[in-house]
Amino acid sequence: MPISPTAAYAPNSPATKPTTTAKASDTSSTFGLGRDDFFKLFLAQLANQDPTRPVDDKEFIAQLAQFTMIDTMKAVEKALQGSQLGQAAGLLGRHVDGLDVTGTAVSGTVGRLVQSAGELFLMIGDRSIRPDAVTHVAPA
């Protein structure tokens, strides 16, 4: 029985299998994978590639560019959420006028903030208003 050039290469053997442990500080993202996850996959791909047919460097560069784009989008999303939360928190206890989520006019004091399905809402009683739907703000 002939032996193929890759038969001696055992990608799942303990000697070649990359070992990693998850840390509490691992960066996770809204998109499912964090920076640490990407690099673990990247290193596993390098360690387990067929030595007779290595992956083209252009593929690695494309993967790195995709990861960089996702990482940048995550940072922008985090910054936007922080600023939106800060602005919405500034409306707590203030009298606002605007349109609720059904498009009905509402006026009253913002009693709390609620985050649901990735969106932030101002609560006036049991009515929800998106911060961008506020038309007037008065001091408390």
N, C-alpha and C. Protein backbone atom coordinates (compact mmCIF):
# COMPACT_ATOMS: atom_id res chain seq x y z
N MET A 1 0.85 -1.18 0.00
CA MET A 1 0.00 0.00 0.00
C MET A 1 0.89 1.23 0.00
N PRO A 2 0.78 2.11 -1.01
CA PRO A 2 1.64 3.28 -1.09
C PRO A 2 1.26 4.31 -0.03
N ILE A 3 2.26 5.02 0.40
CA ILE A 3 2.05 6.08 1.40
C ILE A 3 2.05 7.42 0.69
N SER A 4 1.01 8.20 0.95
CA SER A 4 0.92 9.52 0.32
C SER A 4 1.87 10.49 1.02
N PRO A 5 2.25 11.59 0.35
CA PRO A 5 3.18 12.55 0.96
C PRO A 5 2.63 13.17 2.24
N THR A 6 1.34 13.15 2.42
CA THR A 6 0.75 13.78 3.61
C THR A 6 0.41 12.76 4.69
N ALA A 7 0.68 11.48 4.45
CA ALA A 7 0.30 10.46 5.44
C ALA A 7 1.04 10.64 6.75
N ALA A 8 2.28 11.09 6.69
CA ALA A 8 3.05 11.27 7.93
C ALA A 8 2.60 12.51 8.68
N TYR A 9 1.91 13.37 8.00
CA TYR A 9 1.42 14.61 8.61
C TYR A 9 0.07 14.34 9.24
N ALA A 10 0.01 14.42 10.55
CA ALA A 10 -1.23 14.15 11.28
C ALA A 10 -1.69 15.43 11.96
N PRO A 11 -2.56 16.21 11.28
CA PRO A 11 -2.96 17.51 11.82
C PRO A 11 -3.69 17.45 13.15
N ASN A 12 -4.28 16.33 13.47
CA ASN A 12 -5.05 16.26 14.72
C ASN A 12 -4.30 15.55 15.83
N SER A 13 -3.05 15.23 15.59
CA SER A 13 -2.29 14.57 16.65
C SER A 13 -1.96 15.57 17.74
N PRO A 14 -1.77 15.11 18.98
CA PRO A 14 -1.49 16.02 20.09
C PRO A 14 -0.23 16.86 19.87
N ALA A 15 0.74 16.35 19.13
CA ALA A 15 1.99 17.09 18.93
C ALA A 15 1.80 18.29 18.01
N THR A 16 0.84 18.22 17.08
CA THR A 16 0.67 19.31 16.13
C THR A 16 -0.59 20.11 16.36
N LYS A 17 -1.46 19.64 17.23
CA LYS A 17 -2.71 20.34 17.47
C LYS A 17 -2.45 21.56 18.34
N PRO A 18 -2.88 22.76 17.87
CA PRO A 18 -2.66 23.94 18.70
C PRO A 18 -3.47 23.88 19.97
N THR A 19 -2.85 24.27 21.07
CA THR A 19 -3.56 24.29 22.34
C THR A 19 -3.81 25.72 22.75
N THR A 20 -5.06 26.01 23.09
CA THR A 20 -5.44 27.35 23.51
C THR A 20 -6.40 27.23 24.66
N THR A 21 -6.39 28.22 25.49
CA THR A 21 -7.37 28.27 26.57
C THR A 21 -8.08 29.60 26.50
N ALA A 22 -9.37 29.59 26.71
CA ALA A 22 -10.15 30.83 26.67
C ALA A 22 -9.92 31.61 27.94
N LYS A 23 -9.81 32.90 27.78
CA LYS A 23 -9.63 33.78 28.92
C LYS A 23 -10.84 34.69 29.04
N ALA A 24 -11.04 35.20 30.22
CA ALA A 24 -12.15 36.13 30.43
C ALA A 24 -11.92 37.41 29.63
N SER A 25 -10.67 37.71 29.29
CA SER A 25 -10.37 38.94 28.57
C SER A 25 -10.46 38.78 27.06
N ASP A 26 -10.82 37.57 26.56
CA ASP A 26 -10.94 37.38 25.12
C ASP A 26 -11.96 38.37 24.58
N THR A 27 -11.61 38.95 23.45
CA THR A 27 -12.49 39.92 22.83
C THR A 27 -13.53 39.20 22.01
N SER A 28 -14.79 39.35 22.37
CA SER A 28 -15.85 38.77 21.57
C SER A 28 -16.59 39.91 20.89
N SER A 29 -17.29 39.61 19.85
CA SER A 29 -17.95 40.67 19.12
C SER A 29 -19.39 40.32 18.86
N THR A 30 -20.11 41.33 18.38
CA THR A 30 -21.48 41.15 18.00
C THR A 30 -21.59 40.19 16.83
N PHE A 31 -20.53 40.09 16.08
CA PHE A 31 -20.53 39.29 14.87
C PHE A 31 -20.22 37.82 15.14
N GLY A 32 -20.02 37.42 16.39
CA GLY A 32 -19.83 36.03 16.73
C GLY A 32 -18.41 35.65 17.07
N LEU A 33 -17.42 36.17 16.37
CA LEU A 33 -16.04 35.83 16.65
C LEU A 33 -15.27 37.07 17.07
N GLY A 34 -14.40 36.89 18.03
CA GLY A 34 -13.57 37.99 18.48
C GLY A 34 -12.18 37.88 17.89
N ARG A 35 -11.33 38.81 18.27
CA ARG A 35 -9.95 38.87 17.79
C ARG A 35 -9.21 37.58 18.12
N ASP A 36 -9.34 37.12 19.37
CA ASP A 36 -8.65 35.90 19.78
C ASP A 36 -9.15 34.68 18.99
N ASP A 37 -10.46 34.62 18.76
CA ASP A 37 -11.02 33.51 17.98
C ASP A 37 -10.45 33.50 16.57
N PHE A 38 -10.36 34.69 15.96
CA PHE A 38 -9.83 34.79 14.61
C PHE A 38 -8.40 34.27 14.55
N PHE A 39 -7.56 34.71 15.49
CA PHE A 39 -6.17 34.30 15.46
C PHE A 39 -6.01 32.80 15.77
N LYS A 40 -6.88 32.25 16.61
CA LYS A 40 -6.84 30.81 16.87
C LYS A 40 -7.15 30.04 15.59
N LEU A 41 -8.18 30.47 14.88
CA LEU A 41 -8.53 29.83 13.61
C LEU A 41 -7.42 30.00 12.57
N PHE A 42 -6.86 31.19 12.52
CA PHE A 42 -5.78 31.50 11.58
C PHE A 42 -4.58 30.59 11.83
N LEU A 43 -4.17 30.46 13.10
CA LEU A 43 -3.03 29.60 13.43
C LEU A 43 -3.35 28.13 13.19
N ALA A 44 -4.58 27.72 13.49
CA ALA A 44 -4.97 26.33 13.23
C ALA A 44 -4.94 26.04 11.73
N GLN A 45 -5.36 27.01 10.94
CA GLN A 45 -5.33 26.84 9.49
C GLN A 45 -3.89 26.70 9.00
N LEU A 46 -3.00 27.51 9.54
CA LEU A 46 -1.59 27.42 9.17
C LEU A 46 -1.00 26.08 9.59
N ALA A 47 -1.29 25.65 10.80
CA ALA A 47 -0.72 24.40 11.32
C ALA A 47 -1.27 23.17 10.62
N ASN A 48 -2.47 23.25 10.11
CA ASN A 48 -3.12 22.08 9.54
C ASN A 48 -3.20 22.08 8.02
N GLN A 49 -2.54 23.00 7.36
CA GLN A 49 -2.60 23.01 5.90
C GLN A 49 -1.78 21.86 5.32
N ASP A 50 -2.13 21.46 4.15
CA ASP A 50 -1.42 20.39 3.44
C ASP A 50 -0.07 20.95 2.99
N PRO A 51 1.05 20.38 3.46
CA PRO A 51 2.36 20.91 3.10
C PRO A 51 2.66 20.84 1.61
N THR A 52 1.98 19.96 0.88
CA THR A 52 2.23 19.87 -0.56
C THR A 52 1.43 20.91 -1.34
N ARG A 53 0.43 21.50 -0.68
CA ARG A 53 -0.37 22.54 -1.32
C ARG A 53 -0.65 23.65 -0.31
N PRO A 54 0.34 24.46 0.01
CA PRO A 54 0.12 25.51 1.00
C PRO A 54 -0.88 26.55 0.49
N VAL A 55 -1.55 27.16 1.43
CA VAL A 55 -2.54 28.17 1.09
C VAL A 55 -1.82 29.40 0.54
N ASP A 56 -2.40 29.98 -0.47
CA ASP A 56 -1.83 31.16 -1.12
C ASP A 56 -1.81 32.33 -0.14
N ASP A 57 -0.74 33.10 -0.15
CA ASP A 57 -0.62 34.24 0.77
C ASP A 57 -1.70 35.29 0.52
N LYS A 58 -2.22 35.34 -0.70
CA LYS A 58 -3.29 36.31 -1.01
C LYS A 58 -4.56 35.98 -0.22
N GLU A 59 -4.81 34.68 -0.01
CA GLU A 59 -5.97 34.28 0.80
C GLU A 59 -5.82 34.77 2.24
N PHE A 60 -4.62 34.62 2.80
CA PHE A 60 -4.38 35.07 4.17
C PHE A 60 -4.55 36.58 4.28
N ILE A 61 -4.06 37.30 3.29
CA ILE A 61 -4.19 38.76 3.30
C ILE A 61 -5.66 39.15 3.22
N ALA A 62 -6.43 38.45 2.39
CA ALA A 62 -7.87 38.74 2.28
C ALA A 62 -8.58 38.46 3.60
N GLN A 63 -8.22 37.35 4.26
CA GLN A 63 -8.84 37.03 5.55
C GLN A 63 -8.49 38.08 6.59
N LEU A 64 -7.26 38.51 6.60
CA LEU A 64 -6.83 39.54 7.56
C LEU A 64 -7.55 40.85 7.29
N ALA A 65 -7.74 41.20 6.02
CA ALA A 65 -8.47 42.43 5.68
C ALA A 65 -9.92 42.34 6.14
N GLN A 66 -10.55 41.17 5.97
CA GLN A 66 -11.92 40.99 6.43
C GLN A 66 -12.01 41.13 7.94
N PHE A 67 -11.06 40.52 8.63
CA PHE A 67 -11.08 40.62 10.08
C PHE A 67 -10.88 42.07 10.52
N THR A 68 -9.97 42.77 9.90
CA THR A 68 -9.72 44.17 10.25
C THR A 68 -10.98 45.01 10.05
N MET A 69 -11.70 44.75 8.96
CA MET A 69 -12.94 45.48 8.70
C MET A 69 -13.97 45.19 9.80
N ILE A 70 -14.11 43.93 10.18
CA ILE A 70 -15.07 43.57 11.22
C ILE A 70 -14.67 44.19 12.56
N ASP A 71 -13.38 44.15 12.87
CA ASP A 71 -12.89 44.73 14.11
C ASP A 71 -13.16 46.23 14.16
N THR A 72 -12.96 46.91 13.04
CA THR A 72 -13.22 48.35 12.95
C THR A 72 -14.71 48.64 13.11
N MET A 73 -15.55 47.84 12.46
CA MET A 73 -17.00 48.03 12.59
C MET A 73 -17.45 47.84 14.03
N LYS A 74 -16.84 46.87 14.72
CA LYS A 74 -17.17 46.62 16.12
C LYS A 74 -16.80 47.83 16.98
N ALA A 75 -15.65 48.41 16.73
CA ALA A 75 -15.21 49.58 17.50
C ALA A 75 -16.14 50.77 17.25
N VAL A 76 -16.55 50.96 16.01
CA VAL A 76 -17.46 52.06 15.68
C VAL A 76 -18.82 51.84 16.35
N GLU A 77 -19.30 50.59 16.30
CA GLU A 77 -20.58 50.27 16.94
C GLU A 77 -20.53 50.55 18.44
N LYS A 78 -19.44 50.17 19.07
CA LYS A 78 -19.29 50.38 20.52
C LYS A 78 -19.28 51.88 20.83
N ALA A 79 -18.58 52.66 20.03
CA ALA A 79 -18.52 54.10 20.24
C ALA A 79 -19.89 54.74 20.06
N LEU A 80 -20.62 54.30 19.04
CA LEU A 80 -21.96 54.85 18.80
C LEU A 80 -22.92 54.48 19.93
N GLN A 81 -22.85 53.24 20.40
CA GLN A 81 -23.73 52.83 21.49
C GLN A 81 -23.43 53.64 22.75
N GLY A 82 -22.15 53.87 23.02
CA GLY A 82 -21.76 54.64 24.20
C GLY A 82 -22.28 56.06 24.14
N SER A 83 -22.17 56.70 22.97
CA SER A 83 -22.63 58.08 22.86
C SER A 83 -24.15 58.15 22.89
N GLN A 84 -24.83 57.19 22.26
CA GLN A 84 -26.28 57.17 22.28
C GLN A 84 -26.79 56.94 23.70
N LEU A 85 -26.16 56.05 24.43
CA LEU A 85 -26.56 55.78 25.80
C LEU A 85 -26.36 57.02 26.66
N GLY A 86 -25.24 57.71 26.47
CA GLY A 86 -24.96 58.93 27.24
C GLY A 86 -25.99 60.01 26.96
N GLN A 87 -26.34 60.17 25.68
CA GLN A 87 -27.33 61.18 25.32
C GLN A 87 -28.70 60.81 25.88
N ALA A 88 -29.07 59.54 25.76
CA ALA A 88 -30.37 59.11 26.27
C ALA A 88 -30.43 59.24 27.79
N ALA A 89 -29.34 58.91 28.47
CA ALA A 89 -29.30 59.03 29.93
C ALA A 89 -29.48 60.48 30.37
N GLY A 90 -29.03 61.40 29.53
CA GLY A 90 -29.20 62.82 29.83
C GLY A 90 -30.66 63.26 29.79
N LEU A 91 -31.51 62.44 29.21
CA LEU A 91 -32.94 62.77 29.13
C LEU A 91 -33.75 62.21 30.30
N LEU A 92 -33.13 61.38 31.14
CA LEU A 92 -33.85 60.85 32.30
C LEU A 92 -34.34 61.98 33.19
N GLY A 93 -35.61 61.92 33.56
CA GLY A 93 -36.20 62.93 34.44
C GLY A 93 -36.60 64.21 33.72
N ARG A 94 -36.38 64.28 32.42
CA ARG A 94 -36.73 65.49 31.67
C ARG A 94 -38.04 65.26 30.92
N HIS A 95 -38.74 66.36 30.68
CA HIS A 95 -40.00 66.31 29.95
C HIS A 95 -39.69 66.34 28.45
N VAL A 96 -40.20 65.36 27.71
CA VAL A 96 -39.97 65.30 26.27
C VAL A 96 -41.28 65.17 25.52
N ASP A 97 -41.27 65.64 24.29
CA ASP A 97 -42.36 65.44 23.35
C ASP A 97 -41.79 64.66 22.17
N GLY A 98 -42.58 63.80 21.59
CA GLY A 98 -42.12 63.05 20.43
C GLY A 98 -43.15 62.05 19.98
N LEU A 99 -42.70 61.11 19.16
CA LEU A 99 -43.58 60.07 18.64
C LEU A 99 -43.12 58.74 19.20
N ASP A 100 -44.10 57.95 19.70
CA ASP A 100 -43.72 56.63 20.22
C ASP A 100 -43.48 55.67 19.05
N VAL A 101 -43.18 54.43 19.34
CA VAL A 101 -42.83 53.46 18.32
C VAL A 101 -43.96 53.15 17.34
N THR A 102 -45.20 53.49 17.72
CA THR A 102 -46.34 53.28 16.81
C THR A 102 -46.64 54.52 15.99
N GLY A 103 -45.91 55.62 16.25
CA GLY A 103 -46.13 56.86 15.51
C GLY A 103 -47.11 57.81 16.18
N THR A 104 -47.56 57.47 17.39
CA THR A 104 -48.51 58.29 18.13
C THR A 104 -47.75 59.33 18.95
N ALA A 105 -48.27 60.56 18.95
CA ALA A 105 -47.63 61.63 19.73
C ALA A 105 -47.70 61.30 21.22
N VAL A 106 -46.61 61.58 21.91
CA VAL A 106 -46.55 61.33 23.35
C VAL A 106 -45.77 62.47 23.99
N SER A 107 -46.15 62.81 25.21
CA SER A 107 -45.49 63.87 25.95
C SER A 107 -45.45 63.45 27.42
N GLY A 108 -44.28 63.64 28.04
CA GLY A 108 -44.18 63.26 29.44
C GLY A 108 -42.74 63.22 29.91
N THR A 109 -42.55 62.78 31.15
CA THR A 109 -41.22 62.72 31.75
C THR A 109 -40.61 61.34 31.51
N VAL A 110 -39.36 61.33 31.06
CA VAL A 110 -38.65 60.08 30.82
C VAL A 110 -38.32 59.46 32.17
N GLY A 111 -38.88 58.27 32.42
CA GLY A 111 -38.69 57.61 33.71
C GLY A 111 -37.57 56.59 33.72
N ARG A 112 -37.28 55.99 32.56
CA ARG A 112 -36.24 54.98 32.49
C ARG A 112 -35.83 54.76 31.04
N LEU A 113 -34.74 54.03 30.88
CA LEU A 113 -34.25 53.63 29.56
C LEU A 113 -34.35 52.12 29.46
N VAL A 114 -34.68 51.64 28.27
CA VAL A 114 -34.78 50.21 28.03
C VAL A 114 -34.03 49.90 26.74
N GLN A 115 -33.24 48.82 26.79
CA GLN A 115 -32.58 48.35 25.59
C GLN A 115 -33.23 47.04 25.18
N SER A 116 -33.70 46.99 23.95
CA SER A 116 -34.37 45.80 23.45
C SER A 116 -33.96 45.57 22.00
N ALA A 117 -33.58 44.36 21.69
CA ALA A 117 -33.18 43.97 20.33
C ALA A 117 -32.12 44.91 19.77
N GLY A 118 -31.19 45.32 20.63
CA GLY A 118 -30.09 46.18 20.18
C GLY A 118 -30.45 47.64 20.03
N GLU A 119 -31.68 48.01 20.35
CA GLU A 119 -32.10 49.41 20.26
C GLU A 119 -32.35 49.96 21.65
N LEU A 120 -32.15 51.26 21.78
CA LEU A 120 -32.36 51.96 23.04
C LEU A 120 -33.67 52.73 22.96
N PHE A 121 -34.48 52.64 24.02
CA PHE A 121 -35.76 53.33 24.05
C PHE A 121 -35.88 54.15 25.33
N LEU A 122 -36.50 55.32 25.22
CA LEU A 122 -36.87 56.13 26.37
C LEU A 122 -38.27 55.69 26.77
N MET A 123 -38.51 55.54 28.06
CA MET A 123 -39.83 55.11 28.51
C MET A 123 -40.54 56.26 29.20
N ILE A 124 -41.72 56.56 28.71
CA ILE A 124 -42.62 57.53 29.35
C ILE A 124 -43.84 56.71 29.74
N GLY A 125 -43.93 56.39 31.01
CA GLY A 125 -44.96 55.45 31.47
C GLY A 125 -44.69 54.11 30.83
N ASP A 126 -45.67 53.60 30.08
CA ASP A 126 -45.49 52.32 29.39
C ASP A 126 -45.27 52.50 27.89
N ARG A 127 -44.99 53.73 27.46
CA ARG A 127 -44.80 54.03 26.04
C ARG A 127 -43.32 54.19 25.73
N SER A 128 -42.91 53.63 24.62
CA SER A 128 -41.51 53.66 24.19
C SER A 128 -41.28 54.69 23.09
N ILE A 129 -40.21 55.45 23.26
CA ILE A 129 -39.81 56.43 22.24
C ILE A 129 -38.35 56.19 21.90
N ARG A 130 -38.05 56.16 20.61
CA ARG A 130 -36.64 56.11 20.19
C ARG A 130 -36.06 57.50 20.42
N PRO A 131 -34.80 57.58 20.85
CA PRO A 131 -34.20 58.89 21.10
C PRO A 131 -34.26 59.84 19.89
N ASP A 132 -34.16 59.30 18.68
CA ASP A 132 -34.21 60.15 17.50
C ASP A 132 -35.62 60.61 17.15
N ALA A 133 -36.65 60.11 17.88
CA ALA A 133 -38.03 60.52 17.63
C ALA A 133 -38.49 61.61 18.58
N VAL A 134 -37.58 62.10 19.44
CA VAL A 134 -37.90 63.20 20.38
C VAL A 134 -37.88 64.50 19.59
N THR A 135 -38.94 65.30 19.74
CA THR A 135 -39.04 66.57 19.00
C THR A 135 -38.79 67.77 19.90
N HIS A 136 -38.96 67.62 21.22
CA HIS A 136 -38.77 68.75 22.13
C HIS A 136 -38.36 68.21 23.50
N VAL A 137 -37.41 68.91 24.12
CA VAL A 137 -36.96 68.54 25.46
C VAL A 137 -37.08 69.77 26.35
N ALA A 138 -37.71 69.60 27.52
CA ALA A 138 -37.84 70.69 28.49
C ALA A 138 -37.16 70.27 29.79
N PRO A 139 -36.67 71.23 30.56
CA PRO A 139 -36.05 70.88 31.86
C PRO A 139 -37.09 70.24 32.77
N ALA A 140 -36.62 69.42 33.70
CA ALA A 140 -37.51 68.73 34.62
C ALA A 140 -38.13 69.69 35.62
